[in-house]
């Protein structure tokens, strides 16, 4: 393409350097300015042509533009030159039209625009300008600013050559041997058909993509609606059972032993060997880590003031693990509503569901009361929920050592949620801090 442009530029440069003469001008002022120019007095020529150009005289505009473009008698100003050329070209000055096309093609004084350049060459070619016909032929032959059309290029070369343009005659001889008998008509037709086929395929692919996206969106919305309905139903059931006791019509006689919520203390749901258990201060046994964390949780929540909690919110997580385990102070968010005792003792499943419902309402004190005995007994799900409360500071002070310890214990029993939460949690801290948290966990299970 660079070579093609250079050939075109060479041809146009000859037009730009053509001498400034008065073409059948009756204006004495124009003739006087031309004489000054030919005599080398460019400043005088500029002084004479400037007022004529202001009055809209196209030849004066074109001549003055030449001076600004070349910097003769005035300071060089490509932008001003382009303005004057354009003003003259719009008044059908053929030479000015060729000049405008040249500047648009080279980007001199204006942003490059080969399409606009072709339009200005076409205006001059329509008026029979041989140089414009030759240059436009070059653009069609090379496909610069226009769609390549060698047949049309050949016609333009023939028009230019008939006016004695030798370069057009040379290009005509060269292009005649390259064209097929039909002048390239079949090649153009095949190219257009290929473009149409490509466009049709692209449009069909776009339509298919949009249909697929709409289908996926509908499926996602349906799944979200079903999940929301399931969650609402579970919440309503849990709240009802927490206040009135179990609904005997659907209550099973025995709790399943293969679920995370009903697993036996000290064992996981992968049939691993029982973990070491220890008796708590009140005689209860369970996972050592859970018992030590729960006793701290009970002490923290039992001595807390009973003030109405603010709306539920997630506190800002600290940037790193504390250098040593912190003792709990008074919880920051405590629910004042006392735990409602059901008509009959709740099963572990009902207790967990009631804890989840209380947590969703922001009643963290009641949530702690329900989760503590379950976590003490080694239930992974309860340990996961309680670890989350320590991590967020919900009902207790934030304590990342307790969070790590509870999630570590639940993950060791096969809780995938605890394992995922622990991995995300550990990813925010340095290795030395994690080592201290692990040491804290190990010190509690010995």
Protein backbone atom coordinates (compact mmCIF):
# COMPACT_ATOMS: atom_id res chain seq x y z
CA UNK A 1 0.00 0.00 0.00
CA UNK A 2 2.89 2.36 0.72
CA UNK A 3 4.22 1.86 -2.77
CA UNK A 4 0.79 2.50 -4.26
CA UNK A 5 0.40 5.71 -2.32
CA UNK A 6 3.87 6.85 -3.28
CA UNK A 7 3.05 6.50 -6.98
CA UNK A 8 -0.11 8.48 -6.49
CA UNK A 9 1.66 11.09 -4.41
CA UNK A 10 4.30 11.58 -7.09
CA UNK A 11 1.64 12.26 -9.69
CA UNK A 12 -0.19 14.67 -7.44
CA UNK A 13 2.95 16.52 -6.45
CA UNK A 14 3.37 17.64 -10.01
CA UNK A 15 -0.05 19.25 -9.86
CA UNK A 16 0.76 21.00 -6.59
CA UNK A 17 3.96 22.44 -8.04
CA UNK A 18 2.36 23.71 -11.27
CA UNK A 19 3.06 27.41 -11.93
CA UNK A 20 0.55 29.96 -10.78
CA UNK A 21 -0.74 31.68 -13.92
CA UNK A 22 -3.76 33.77 -14.74
CA UNK A 23 -6.10 31.60 -16.79
CA UNK A 24 -8.04 33.97 -18.97
CA UNK A 25 -8.38 36.39 -16.04
CA UNK A 26 -9.69 39.90 -16.82
CA UNK A 27 -8.87 41.14 -13.36
CA UNK A 28 -5.97 43.51 -13.42
CA UNK A 29 -5.33 42.89 -9.73
CA UNK A 30 -4.98 39.18 -10.27
CA UNK A 31 -2.61 39.78 -13.16
CA UNK A 32 -0.57 42.20 -11.03
CA UNK A 33 -0.32 39.63 -8.24
CA UNK A 34 0.76 36.96 -10.71
CA UNK A 35 3.45 39.25 -12.08
CA UNK A 36 4.76 39.90 -8.59
CA UNK A 37 4.82 36.16 -7.91
CA UNK A 38 6.69 35.36 -11.13
CA UNK A 39 9.14 38.14 -10.30
CA UNK A 40 9.88 36.58 -6.92
CA UNK A 41 8.16 39.27 -4.85
CA UNK A 42 5.97 36.81 -2.91
CA UNK A 43 5.03 39.22 -0.15
CA UNK A 44 3.66 41.69 -2.66
CA UNK A 45 1.75 38.91 -4.40
CA UNK A 46 0.26 37.90 -1.04
CA UNK A 47 -0.73 41.50 -0.26
CA UNK A 48 -2.50 41.78 -3.62
CA UNK A 49 -4.30 38.40 -3.50
CA UNK A 50 -5.39 38.55 0.16
CA UNK A 51 -8.23 41.10 -0.24
CA UNK A 52 -9.40 39.38 -3.44
CA UNK A 53 -9.50 36.05 -1.61
CA UNK A 54 -11.53 37.65 1.18
CA UNK A 55 -14.03 38.82 -1.46
CA UNK A 56 -14.43 35.21 -2.61
CA UNK A 57 -12.39 35.28 -5.82
CA UNK A 58 -11.59 31.53 -6.36
CA UNK A 59 -8.35 32.02 -8.31
CA UNK A 60 -7.04 34.46 -5.70
CA UNK A 61 -7.98 31.96 -2.99
CA UNK A 62 -6.16 29.17 -4.76
CA UNK A 63 -3.05 31.30 -5.42
CA UNK A 64 -2.90 32.60 -1.85
CA UNK A 65 -3.29 29.01 -0.60
CA UNK A 66 -0.19 28.10 -2.60
CA UNK A 67 1.80 30.79 -0.80
CA UNK A 68 0.64 29.56 2.63
CA UNK A 69 1.41 25.96 1.75
CA UNK A 70 4.91 26.75 0.52
CA UNK A 71 5.64 29.55 3.04
CA UNK A 72 6.38 32.14 0.34
CA UNK A 73 5.87 35.77 1.40
CA UNK A 74 3.87 34.58 4.44
CA UNK A 75 4.45 32.23 7.34
CA UNK A 76 3.88 28.62 6.32
CA UNK A 77 0.40 27.57 7.48
CA UNK A 78 -0.93 24.24 6.18
CA UNK A 79 -4.30 24.62 7.89
CA UNK A 80 -4.88 28.06 6.33
CA UNK A 81 -3.78 26.70 2.94
CA UNK A 82 -6.34 23.88 3.17
CA UNK A 83 -9.11 26.35 4.06
CA UNK A 84 -8.33 28.54 1.03
CA UNK A 85 -8.01 25.56 -1.32
CA UNK A 86 -11.38 24.24 -0.11
CA UNK A 87 -13.06 27.63 -0.55
CA UNK A 88 -11.86 27.79 -4.14
CA UNK A 89 -12.68 24.12 -4.82
CA UNK A 90 -16.25 24.62 -3.67
CA UNK A 91 -16.55 27.29 -6.39
CA UNK A 92 -15.55 24.68 -8.99
CA UNK A 93 -11.90 25.67 -9.34
CA UNK A 94 -10.53 22.50 -10.95
CA UNK A 95 -6.94 23.14 -9.84
CA UNK A 96 -8.13 23.79 -6.27
CA UNK A 97 -10.14 20.56 -6.30
CA UNK A 98 -7.02 18.61 -7.24
CA UNK A 99 -5.08 20.45 -4.50
CA UNK A 100 -7.71 19.60 -1.86
CA UNK A 101 -7.66 15.94 -2.91
CA UNK A 102 -3.87 15.88 -2.65
CA UNK A 103 -3.85 17.36 0.90
CA UNK A 104 -6.54 14.92 2.06
CA UNK A 105 -4.53 12.04 0.66
CA UNK A 106 -1.26 13.07 2.33
CA UNK A 107 -2.68 14.56 5.55
CA UNK A 108 -1.02 17.93 4.98
CA UNK A 109 -2.90 20.56 7.02
CA UNK A 110 -5.82 18.18 7.56
CA UNK A 111 -6.46 14.64 8.82
CA UNK A 112 -5.88 11.98 6.17
CA UNK A 113 -9.06 10.86 4.43
CA UNK A 114 -8.57 8.87 1.23
CA UNK A 115 -12.33 8.53 0.66
CA UNK A 116 -12.80 12.31 0.62
CA UNK A 117 -9.72 12.62 -1.58
CA UNK A 118 -11.34 10.31 -4.13
CA UNK A 119 -14.50 12.43 -4.10
CA UNK A 120 -12.56 15.64 -4.88
CA UNK A 121 -10.59 13.90 -7.64
CA UNK A 122 -13.92 12.72 -9.09
CA UNK A 123 -15.24 16.33 -9.13
CA UNK A 124 -12.22 17.50 -11.06
CA UNK A 125 -12.28 14.43 -13.35
CA UNK A 126 -15.92 15.12 -14.21
CA UNK A 127 -14.82 18.55 -15.44
CA UNK A 128 -12.35 16.83 -17.79
CA UNK A 129 -9.11 17.44 -15.86
CA UNK A 130 -6.59 14.91 -17.24
CA UNK A 131 -4.45 14.81 -14.09
CA UNK A 132 -7.49 14.23 -11.88
CA UNK A 133 -8.62 11.41 -14.17
CA UNK A 134 -5.20 9.80 -13.98
CA UNK A 135 -4.98 10.08 -10.18
CA UNK A 136 -8.51 8.75 -9.71
CA UNK A 137 -7.63 5.86 -12.02
CA UNK A 138 -4.66 5.04 -9.79
CA UNK A 139 -6.92 4.97 -6.73
CA UNK A 140 -9.37 2.58 -8.42
CA UNK A 141 -6.57 0.37 -9.69
CA UNK A 142 -4.96 0.06 -6.22
CA UNK A 143 -8.16 0.20 -4.16
CA UNK A 144 -7.14 3.34 -2.23
CA UNK A 145 -10.15 5.17 -0.74
CA UNK A 146 -12.47 3.31 -3.12
CA UNK A 147 -13.36 -0.30 -3.87
CA UNK A 148 -10.83 -1.73 -6.28
CA UNK A 149 -12.20 -1.67 -9.81
CA UNK A 150 -9.60 -2.17 -12.51
CA UNK A 151 -12.15 -1.88 -15.28
CA UNK A 152 -13.12 1.61 -14.16
CA UNK A 153 -9.44 2.43 -13.67
CA UNK A 154 -8.82 1.47 -17.29
CA UNK A 155 -11.59 3.82 -18.48
CA UNK A 156 -10.16 6.72 -16.46
CA UNK A 157 -6.67 6.04 -17.85
CA UNK A 158 -8.10 6.08 -21.37
CA UNK A 159 -9.79 9.46 -20.80
CA UNK A 160 -6.57 10.90 -19.36
CA UNK A 161 -4.39 9.41 -22.11
CA UNK A 162 -6.65 10.89 -24.81
CA UNK A 163 -5.70 14.32 -23.44
CA UNK A 164 -1.99 13.55 -23.78
CA UNK A 165 -1.27 12.34 -20.24
CA UNK A 166 1.68 10.03 -20.90
CA UNK A 167 1.66 8.42 -17.44
CA UNK A 168 -1.98 7.42 -18.03
CA UNK A 169 -1.01 5.81 -21.32
CA UNK A 170 1.77 3.81 -19.56
CA UNK A 171 -0.64 2.58 -16.86
CA UNK A 172 -3.21 1.71 -19.52
CA UNK A 173 -0.69 -0.51 -21.33
CA UNK A 174 0.23 -2.20 -18.05
CA UNK A 175 -3.32 -2.85 -16.91
CA UNK A 176 -4.60 -4.14 -20.27
CA UNK A 177 -2.44 -7.25 -19.98
CA UNK A 178 -3.65 -8.01 -16.43
CA UNK A 179 -7.41 -7.89 -17.02
CA UNK A 180 -9.43 -10.96 -18.07
CA UNK A 181 -11.61 -10.72 -21.21
CA UNK A 182 -14.63 -9.55 -19.22
CA UNK A 183 -12.62 -6.75 -17.59
CA UNK A 184 -12.74 -8.44 -14.16
CA UNK A 185 -16.55 -8.47 -13.97
CA UNK A 186 -16.71 -12.15 -12.91
CA UNK A 187 -14.08 -11.61 -10.22
CA UNK A 188 -16.01 -8.66 -8.81
CA UNK A 189 -19.24 -10.67 -8.84
CA UNK A 190 -17.62 -13.58 -6.99
CA UNK A 191 -16.12 -11.17 -4.44
CA UNK A 192 -19.50 -9.55 -3.80
CA UNK A 193 -21.19 -12.94 -3.43
CA UNK A 194 -18.54 -14.06 -0.94
CA UNK A 195 -19.03 -10.89 1.09
CA UNK A 196 -22.81 -11.40 1.13
CA UNK A 197 -22.41 -15.01 2.27
CA UNK A 198 -20.02 -13.97 5.01
CA UNK A 199 -22.41 -11.26 6.20
CA UNK A 200 -25.33 -13.69 6.25
CA UNK A 201 -23.34 -16.19 8.31
CA UNK A 202 -22.32 -13.48 10.77
CA UNK A 203 -25.93 -12.32 11.15
CA UNK A 204 -27.15 -15.90 11.69
CA UNK A 205 -24.45 -16.48 14.31
CA UNK A 206 -25.42 -13.27 16.10
CA UNK A 207 -29.09 -14.27 16.15
CA UNK A 208 -28.18 -17.70 17.53
CA UNK A 209 -26.00 -16.12 20.22
CA UNK A 210 -28.81 -13.82 21.33
CA UNK A 211 -31.28 -16.71 21.48
CA UNK A 212 -28.85 -18.72 23.58
CA UNK A 213 -28.29 -15.83 25.95
CA UNK A 214 -32.06 -15.37 26.34
CA UNK A 215 -32.52 -19.08 27.07
CA UNK A 216 -29.76 -19.05 29.69
CA UNK A 217 -31.23 -15.96 31.31
CA UNK A 218 -34.68 -17.55 31.52
CA UNK A 219 -33.22 -20.70 33.10
CA UNK A 220 -31.25 -18.65 35.62
CA UNK A 221 -34.31 -16.61 36.56
CA UNK A 222 -36.40 -19.75 36.97
CA UNK A 223 -33.75 -21.43 39.14
CA UNK A 224 -33.42 -18.28 41.26
CA UNK A 225 -37.19 -18.14 41.77
CA UNK A 226 -37.32 -21.80 42.78
CA UNK A 227 -34.41 -21.35 45.18
CA UNK A 228 -36.05 -18.30 46.75
CA UNK A 229 -39.33 -20.18 47.20
CA UNK A 230 -37.50 -23.10 48.80
CA UNK A 231 -35.60 -20.79 51.15
CA UNK A 232 -38.78 -18.94 52.16
CA UNK A 233 -40.58 -22.21 52.83
CA UNK A 234 -37.72 -23.49 54.98
CA UNK A 235 -37.59 -20.24 56.96
CA UNK A 236 -41.33 -20.26 57.63
CA UNK A 237 -41.21 -23.86 58.79
CA UNK A 238 -38.22 -23.25 61.04
CA UNK A 239 -39.84 -20.21 62.66
CA UNK A 240 -43.06 -22.13 63.27
CA UNK A 241 -41.28 -25.08 64.86
CA UNK A 242 -39.05 -22.81 66.98
CA UNK A 243 -42.14 -21.22 68.55
CA UNK A 244 -44.61 -24.10 68.74
CA UNK A 245 -42.51 -27.24 68.72
CA UNK A 246 -42.25 -29.86 65.97
CA UNK A 247 -45.04 -30.43 63.50
CA UNK A 248 -45.77 -34.07 64.33
CA UNK A 249 -47.53 -34.78 61.04
CA UNK A 250 -44.21 -34.73 59.16
CA UNK A 251 -41.76 -35.48 61.96
CA UNK A 252 -39.71 -38.63 61.52
CA UNK A 253 -39.37 -40.98 64.48
CA UNK A 254 -35.62 -41.34 64.08
CA UNK A 255 -33.10 -38.80 62.83
CA UNK A 256 -30.96 -39.88 59.85
CA UNK A 257 -27.42 -40.76 60.81
CA UNK A 258 -25.72 -40.00 57.47
CA UNK A 259 -26.30 -36.24 57.32
CA UNK A 260 -24.01 -33.53 58.53
CA UNK A 261 -26.66 -32.07 60.87
CA UNK A 262 -27.27 -35.37 62.69
CA UNK A 263 -23.81 -36.90 62.86
CA UNK A 264 -22.60 -38.32 66.14
CA UNK A 265 -20.29 -36.26 68.34
CA UNK A 266 -16.63 -36.81 67.62
CA UNK A 267 -17.11 -38.54 64.21
CA UNK A 268 -17.45 -37.25 60.68
CA UNK A 269 -19.69 -38.30 57.82
CA UNK A 270 -16.84 -40.14 56.05
CA UNK A 271 -16.66 -42.92 58.72
CA UNK A 272 -13.29 -41.81 60.01
CA UNK A 273 -12.10 -42.97 63.42
CA UNK A 274 -13.59 -41.08 66.39
CA UNK A 275 -11.69 -37.97 67.36
CA UNK A 276 -10.48 -37.38 70.90
CA UNK A 277 -13.21 -36.08 73.16
CA UNK A 278 -13.02 -34.23 76.42
CA UNK A 279 -15.48 -33.42 79.14
CA UNK A 280 -16.48 -29.78 79.58
CA UNK A 281 -16.94 -28.01 82.87
CA UNK A 282 -20.61 -29.00 83.03
CA UNK A 283 -19.93 -32.66 82.29
CA UNK A 284 -20.70 -32.65 78.55
CA UNK A 285 -18.38 -34.34 76.10
CA UNK A 286 -17.57 -33.52 72.50
CA UNK A 287 -14.87 -32.25 70.17
CA UNK A 288 -12.07 -30.60 72.14
CA UNK A 289 -11.74 -27.61 69.80
CA UNK A 290 -15.47 -26.99 69.73
CA UNK A 291 -15.80 -27.23 73.53
CA UNK A 292 -13.03 -24.70 74.20
CA UNK A 293 -14.45 -22.28 71.62
CA UNK A 294 -18.00 -22.75 72.84
CA UNK A 295 -17.16 -22.15 76.47
CA UNK A 296 -15.63 -18.83 75.45
CA UNK A 297 -18.72 -18.04 73.37
CA UNK A 298 -21.03 -18.85 76.30
CA UNK A 299 -19.00 -16.68 78.64
CA UNK A 300 -19.06 -13.82 76.18
CA UNK A 301 -22.76 -13.97 75.42
CA UNK A 302 -23.91 -14.74 78.96
CA UNK A 303 -22.46 -11.55 80.46
CA UNK A 304 -23.47 -9.24 77.62
CA UNK A 305 -25.86 -6.34 78.21
CA UNK A 306 -29.37 -6.76 76.84
CA UNK A 307 -29.81 -3.85 74.50
CA UNK A 308 -31.84 -3.73 71.33
CA UNK A 309 -29.51 -4.59 68.44
CA UNK A 310 -29.14 -2.35 65.40
CA UNK A 311 -30.07 -3.62 61.97
CA UNK A 312 -28.02 -6.59 60.87
CA UNK A 313 -24.82 -5.69 59.11
CA UNK A 314 -21.49 -7.24 58.23
CA UNK A 315 -18.55 -5.66 60.06
CA UNK A 316 -15.38 -4.94 58.13
CA UNK A 317 -13.08 -7.98 58.20
CA UNK A 318 -9.67 -7.21 59.67
CA UNK A 319 -6.72 -7.23 57.32
CA UNK A 320 -4.70 -9.90 59.16
CA UNK A 321 -4.80 -12.52 61.91
CA UNK A 322 -4.14 -11.16 65.40
CA UNK A 323 -0.73 -12.06 66.83
CA UNK A 324 -2.33 -14.00 69.70
CA UNK A 325 -5.82 -15.32 70.53
CA UNK A 326 -8.02 -12.60 71.91
CA UNK A 327 -10.32 -13.06 74.91
CA UNK A 328 -13.87 -12.12 74.13
CA UNK A 329 -15.24 -8.90 75.50
CA UNK A 330 -18.90 -8.03 75.62
CA UNK A 331 -20.66 -8.81 72.32
CA UNK A 332 -21.49 -5.86 70.19
CA UNK A 333 -24.83 -7.15 68.86
CA UNK A 334 -27.11 -9.08 71.28
CA UNK A 335 -30.74 -10.07 70.72
CA UNK A 336 -32.94 -9.17 73.67
CA UNK A 337 -35.81 -11.53 72.81
CA UNK A 338 -35.45 -14.62 75.07
CA UNK A 339 -35.22 -18.05 73.50
CA UNK A 340 -38.70 -19.48 73.20
CA UNK A 341 -38.86 -22.95 74.72
CA UNK A 342 -40.84 -25.28 72.46
CA UNK A 343 -43.63 -27.47 73.75
CA UNK A 344 -41.36 -30.51 73.45
CA UNK A 345 -37.60 -30.88 73.06
CA UNK A 346 -36.33 -30.14 69.55
CA UNK A 347 -34.31 -32.57 67.50
CA UNK A 348 -30.88 -31.53 66.28
CA UNK A 349 -32.31 -30.84 62.83
CA UNK A 350 -35.04 -28.62 64.26
CA UNK A 351 -32.48 -26.85 66.44
CA UNK A 352 -30.26 -26.10 63.45
CA UNK A 353 -33.22 -24.86 61.39
CA UNK A 354 -34.33 -22.64 64.28
CA UNK A 355 -30.77 -21.28 64.57
CA UNK A 356 -30.67 -20.48 60.84
CA UNK A 357 -34.03 -18.71 61.08
CA UNK A 358 -32.89 -16.67 64.12
CA UNK A 359 -29.63 -15.79 62.31
CA UNK A 360 -31.58 -14.61 59.24
CA UNK A 361 -33.64 -12.31 61.50
CA UNK A 362 -30.47 -10.91 63.11
CA UNK A 363 -31.28 -12.47 66.52
CA UNK A 364 -27.69 -13.43 67.28
CA UNK A 365 -28.19 -14.14 71.00
CA UNK A 366 -30.83 -16.74 70.22
CA UNK A 367 -28.60 -18.10 67.44
CA UNK A 368 -25.74 -18.56 69.92
CA UNK A 369 -28.02 -20.29 72.43
CA UNK A 370 -29.07 -22.78 69.76
CA UNK A 371 -25.65 -23.35 68.16
CA UNK A 372 -23.45 -23.66 71.27
CA UNK A 373 -24.67 -27.11 72.44
CA UNK A 374 -24.62 -28.45 68.88
CA UNK A 375 -21.09 -27.21 68.21
CA UNK A 376 -19.98 -28.52 71.60
CA UNK A 377 -21.23 -31.92 70.53
CA UNK A 378 -19.04 -31.75 67.42
CA UNK A 379 -21.67 -30.98 64.75
CA UNK A 380 -19.73 -29.60 61.72
CA UNK A 381 -22.59 -27.44 60.45
CA UNK A 382 -22.99 -25.73 63.83
CA UNK A 383 -19.22 -25.18 64.03
CA UNK A 384 -19.27 -23.64 60.55
CA UNK A 385 -22.10 -21.23 61.44
CA UNK A 386 -20.50 -20.24 64.74
CA UNK A 387 -17.13 -19.70 63.03
CA UNK A 388 -18.85 -17.36 60.59
CA UNK A 389 -20.30 -15.34 63.50
CA UNK A 390 -16.82 -14.99 65.04
CA UNK A 391 -15.43 -13.94 61.65
CA UNK A 392 -18.09 -11.25 61.18
CA UNK A 393 -18.48 -10.14 64.78
CA UNK A 394 -22.15 -11.09 64.91
CA UNK A 395 -23.18 -11.32 68.57
CA UNK A 396 -19.52 -11.67 69.64
CA UNK A 397 -16.31 -9.78 69.09
CA UNK A 398 -14.37 -10.64 65.94
CA UNK A 399 -11.81 -13.35 66.72
CA UNK A 400 -9.98 -14.85 63.76
CA UNK A 401 -8.28 -17.51 65.88
CA UNK A 402 -11.66 -18.85 66.97
CA UNK A 403 -12.93 -18.62 63.37
CA UNK A 404 -9.96 -20.60 62.09
CA UNK A 405 -10.26 -23.18 64.89
CA UNK A 406 -14.00 -23.80 64.37
CA UNK A 407 -13.77 -24.00 60.58
CA UNK A 408 -10.68 -26.18 60.84
CA UNK A 409 -12.53 -28.59 63.11
CA UNK A 410 -15.64 -28.66 60.86
CA UNK A 411 -13.56 -29.12 57.71
CA UNK A 412 -11.72 -32.06 59.29
CA UNK A 413 -15.11 -33.78 59.67
CA UNK A 414 -15.87 -33.40 55.97
CA UNK A 415 -17.81 -30.11 55.87
CA UNK A 416 -17.30 -28.74 52.35
CA UNK A 417 -18.69 -25.31 53.27
CA UNK A 418 -16.23 -25.05 56.15
CA UNK A 419 -13.36 -26.20 53.93
CA UNK A 420 -14.24 -23.60 51.27
CA UNK A 421 -14.66 -20.84 53.85
CA UNK A 422 -11.37 -21.81 55.48
CA UNK A 423 -9.52 -21.70 52.16
CA UNK A 424 -10.91 -18.25 51.33
CA UNK A 425 -10.23 -17.07 54.87
CA UNK A 426 -6.63 -18.36 54.86
CA UNK A 427 -5.95 -16.70 51.49
CA UNK A 428 -6.13 -13.26 53.11
CA UNK A 429 -3.29 -13.81 55.60
CA UNK A 430 0.45 -14.28 55.55
CA UNK A 431 2.00 -17.71 56.10
CA UNK A 432 3.41 -16.84 59.52
CA UNK A 433 -0.01 -15.70 60.72
CA UNK A 434 -1.60 -18.90 59.48
CA UNK A 435 1.09 -20.87 61.27
CA UNK A 436 0.17 -19.17 64.56
CA UNK A 437 -3.52 -19.89 63.94
CA UNK A 438 -2.74 -23.54 63.23
CA UNK A 439 -0.64 -23.73 66.40
CA UNK A 440 -3.59 -22.32 68.36
CA UNK A 441 -5.88 -24.98 66.85
CA UNK A 442 -3.42 -27.79 67.58
CA UNK A 443 -2.96 -26.61 71.17
CA UNK A 444 -6.70 -27.03 71.77
CA UNK A 445 -7.06 -30.55 70.34
CA UNK A 446 -4.14 -32.05 72.25
